[in-house]
Amino acid sequence: MGSQGRLVIPAALREELAAEEGTVYVAHVDGSGALVLRTREQALHELQEAWAGLDDQPSATDELISERRREAADA
């Protein structure tokens, strides 16, 4: 860790990651306490994959509107 709070990644790892100056990473700590670094593109791709299957699910908003319309029709 640098004096300004910057994390220093060794050259060998930077080469393996093909990291260039200016590459922006998203960092988080996983459930085991490990620091995980991803590029913005990797993080976006993972989020898109995680949400992809949810398109088939009815939205809670649509369900609530339908329920309210049924209640109004029954009243």
Protein backbone atom coordinates (compact mmCIF):
# COMPACT_ATOMS: atom_id res chain seq x y z
CA MET A 1 0.00 0.00 0.00
CA GLY A 2 1.42 3.34 -0.98
CA SER A 3 1.61 6.38 1.26
CA GLN A 4 -1.42 7.94 -0.47
CA GLY A 5 -3.51 4.81 0.04
CA ARG A 6 -2.86 3.47 -3.43
CA LEU A 7 -2.57 -0.24 -3.94
CA VAL A 8 0.57 -1.24 -5.82
CA ILE A 9 0.19 -4.19 -8.18
CA PRO A 10 3.49 -5.94 -8.94
CA ALA A 11 4.74 -5.74 -12.53
CA ALA A 12 4.40 -9.50 -13.12
CA LEU A 13 0.69 -9.36 -12.23
CA ARG A 14 0.15 -6.24 -14.32
CA GLU A 15 1.68 -8.04 -17.29
CA GLU A 16 -0.46 -11.14 -16.70
CA LEU A 17 -3.57 -8.96 -16.51
CA ALA A 18 -2.50 -6.88 -19.51
CA ALA A 19 -3.15 -3.85 -17.27
CA GLU A 20 -2.21 -0.54 -18.77
CA GLU A 21 -1.81 2.85 -17.19
CA GLY A 22 -5.23 4.35 -16.64
CA THR A 23 -7.05 1.02 -16.42
CA VAL A 24 -9.88 1.46 -13.91
CA TYR A 25 -10.76 -1.43 -11.62
CA VAL A 26 -13.79 -2.10 -9.47
CA ALA A 27 -12.76 -3.55 -6.11
CA HIS A 28 -14.74 -5.42 -3.48
CA VAL A 29 -14.14 -7.87 -0.66
CA ASP A 30 -15.76 -11.26 -1.18
CA GLY A 31 -17.30 -13.47 1.49
CA SER A 32 -13.95 -15.00 2.42
CA GLY A 33 -12.31 -11.60 2.92
CA ALA A 34 -10.33 -11.71 -0.34
CA LEU A 35 -9.89 -8.52 -2.33
CA VAL A 36 -11.33 -8.94 -5.83
CA LEU A 37 -10.40 -6.60 -8.67
CA ARG A 38 -12.32 -6.46 -11.95
CA THR A 39 -12.21 -4.05 -14.83
CA ARG A 40 -15.35 -2.00 -15.32
CA GLU A 41 -16.14 -4.09 -18.39
CA GLN A 42 -15.82 -7.35 -16.43
CA ALA A 43 -18.03 -6.04 -13.63
CA LEU A 44 -20.66 -4.84 -16.13
CA HIS A 45 -20.62 -8.20 -17.93
CA GLU A 46 -21.11 -10.07 -14.65
CA LEU A 47 -24.03 -7.84 -13.70
CA GLN A 48 -25.62 -8.32 -17.11
CA GLU A 49 -25.31 -12.10 -16.78
CA ALA A 50 -26.76 -12.04 -13.27
CA TRP A 51 -29.79 -10.00 -14.39
CA ALA A 52 -30.29 -11.71 -17.77
CA GLY A 53 -32.57 -14.45 -16.44
CA LEU A 54 -34.79 -11.97 -14.66
CA ASP A 55 -36.34 -10.65 -17.88
CA ASP A 56 -38.70 -13.63 -17.87
CA GLN A 57 -39.91 -12.82 -14.37
CA PRO A 58 -42.95 -10.58 -13.92
CA SER A 59 -42.05 -7.28 -12.33
CA ALA A 60 -43.32 -6.52 -8.84
CA THR A 61 -44.72 -3.23 -10.16
CA ASP A 62 -46.74 -4.97 -12.87
CA GLU A 63 -48.06 -7.49 -10.36
CA LEU A 64 -49.11 -4.72 -7.96
CA ILE A 65 -50.88 -2.78 -10.71
CA SER A 66 -52.73 -5.90 -11.84
CA GLU A 67 -53.75 -6.67 -8.26
CA ARG A 68 -55.04 -3.13 -7.71
CA ARG A 69 -57.00 -3.25 -10.97
CA ARG A 70 -58.62 -6.55 -9.95
CA GLU A 71 -59.53 -5.08 -6.56
CA ALA A 72 -61.02 -1.99 -8.22
CA ALA A 73 -63.04 -4.12 -10.63
CA ASP A 74 -64.41 -6.23 -7.77
CA ALA A 75 -65.40 -3.17 -5.72
